[in-house]
Amino acid sequence: MNNLDIMRFIVGRFTSFSLEIEFSPTSKLDDLLFKIAFLMILATWIKARKTKRAT
């Protein structure tokens, strides 16, 4: 599984989660936590790519 596959999986999970949340307002906190985790993963991935490119 390469980086692109991982990103596709995360983005797919993120979008399905966001669409699902519109129908269940009770789990807004879960949605928020997932979005924070998603952004942290994305930031880490971008930072790793920049580091790899710099060397």
C-alpha atoms as a PDB file:
ATOM      1  CA  MET A   1       0.000   0.000   0.000  1.00  0.00           C
ATOM      2  CA  ASN A   2       1.680   3.201  -1.128  1.00  0.00           C
ATOM      3  CA  ASN A   3       1.075   6.776   0.028  1.00  0.00           C
ATOM      4  CA  LEU A   4      -1.496   7.487  -2.682  1.00  0.00           C
ATOM      5  CA  ASP A   5      -3.614   4.487  -1.646  1.00  0.00           C
ATOM      6  CA  ILE A   6      -3.449   5.590   1.981  1.00  0.00           C
ATOM      7  CA  MET A   7      -4.505   9.131   1.069  1.00  0.00           C
ATOM      8  CA  ARG A   8      -7.391   7.830  -1.060  1.00  0.00           C
ATOM      9  CA  PHE A   9      -8.545   5.671   1.846  1.00  0.00           C
ATOM     10  CA  ILE A  10      -8.368   8.577   4.314  1.00  0.00           C
ATOM     11  CA  VAL A  11     -10.133  10.996   1.962  1.00  0.00           C
ATOM     12  CA  GLY A  12     -12.800   8.381   1.182  1.00  0.00           C
ATOM     13  CA  ARG A  13     -13.350   7.722   4.885  1.00  0.00           C
ATOM     14  CA  PHE A  14     -13.418  11.458   5.585  1.00  0.00           C
ATOM     15  CA  THR A  15     -16.016  12.243   2.920  1.00  0.00           C
ATOM     16  CA  SER A  16     -18.285   9.329   3.808  1.00  0.00           C
ATOM     17  CA  PHE A  17     -18.035  10.335   7.464  1.00  0.00           C
ATOM     18  CA  SER A  18     -18.901  13.961   6.663  1.00  0.00           C
ATOM     19  CA  LEU A  19     -21.894  12.955   4.538  1.00  0.00           C
ATOM     20  CA  GLU A  20     -23.090  10.548   7.213  1.00  0.00           C
ATOM     21  CA  ILE A  21     -22.917  13.238   9.895  1.00  0.00           C
ATOM     22  CA  GLU A  22     -25.620  15.332   8.215  1.00  0.00           C
ATOM     23  CA  PHE A  23     -28.160  12.649   9.044  1.00  0.00           C
ATOM     24  CA  SER A  24     -27.068  12.064  12.647  1.00  0.00           C
ATOM     25  CA  PRO A  25     -26.500  15.342  14.511  1.00  0.00           C
ATOM     26  CA  THR A  26     -25.903  13.472  17.790  1.00  0.00           C
ATOM     27  CA  SER A  27     -22.356  12.547  16.786  1.00  0.00           C
ATOM     28  CA  LYS A  28     -21.108  16.054  15.982  1.00  0.00           C
ATOM     29  CA  LEU A  29     -18.327  15.648  18.547  1.00  0.00           C
ATOM     30  CA  ASP A  30     -17.175  12.440  16.859  1.00  0.00           C
ATOM     31  CA  ASP A  31     -17.192  14.258  13.523  1.00  0.00           C
ATOM     32  CA  LEU A  32     -15.126  17.092  14.972  1.00  0.00           C
ATOM     33  CA  LEU A  33     -12.608  14.694  16.504  1.00  0.00           C
ATOM     34  CA  PHE A  34     -12.318  12.790  13.244  1.00  0.00           C
ATOM     35  CA  LYS A  35     -11.757  16.016  11.282  1.00  0.00           C
ATOM     36  CA  ILE A  36      -9.024  17.069  13.711  1.00  0.00           C
ATOM     37  CA  ALA A  37      -7.366  13.658  13.380  1.00  0.00           C
ATOM     38  CA  PHE A  38      -7.684  13.851   9.589  1.00  0.00           C
ATOM     39  CA  LEU A  39      -6.046  17.284   9.473  1.00  0.00           C
ATOM     40  CA  MET A  40      -3.219  16.111  11.754  1.00  0.00           C
ATOM     41  CA  ILE A  41      -2.584  13.086   9.519  1.00  0.00           C
ATOM     42  CA  LEU A  42      -2.672  15.305   6.437  1.00  0.00           C
ATOM     43  CA  ALA A  43      -0.242  17.801   7.988  1.00  0.00           C
ATOM     44  CA  THR A  44       2.129  14.991   8.993  1.00  0.00           C
ATOM     45  CA  TRP A  45       1.972  13.516   5.494  1.00  0.00           C
ATOM     46  CA  ILE A  46       2.720  16.892   3.868  1.00  0.00           C
ATOM     47  CA  LYS A  47       5.586  17.521   6.292  1.00  0.00           C
ATOM     48  CA  ALA A  48       7.040  14.083   5.531  1.00  0.00           C
ATOM     49  CA  ARG A  49       6.808  14.748   1.787  1.00  0.00           C
ATOM     50  CA  LYS A  50       8.585  18.101   2.154  1.00  0.00           C
ATOM     51  CA  THR A  51      11.317  16.510   4.276  1.00  0.00           C
ATOM     52  CA  LYS A  52      11.795  13.725   1.745  1.00  0.00           C
ATOM     53  CA  ARG A  53      12.035  16.261  -1.094  1.00  0.00           C
ATOM     54  CA  ALA A  54      14.576  18.398   0.799  1.00  0.00           C
ATOM     55  CA  THR A  55      17.085  15.576   1.283  1.00  0.00           C
END
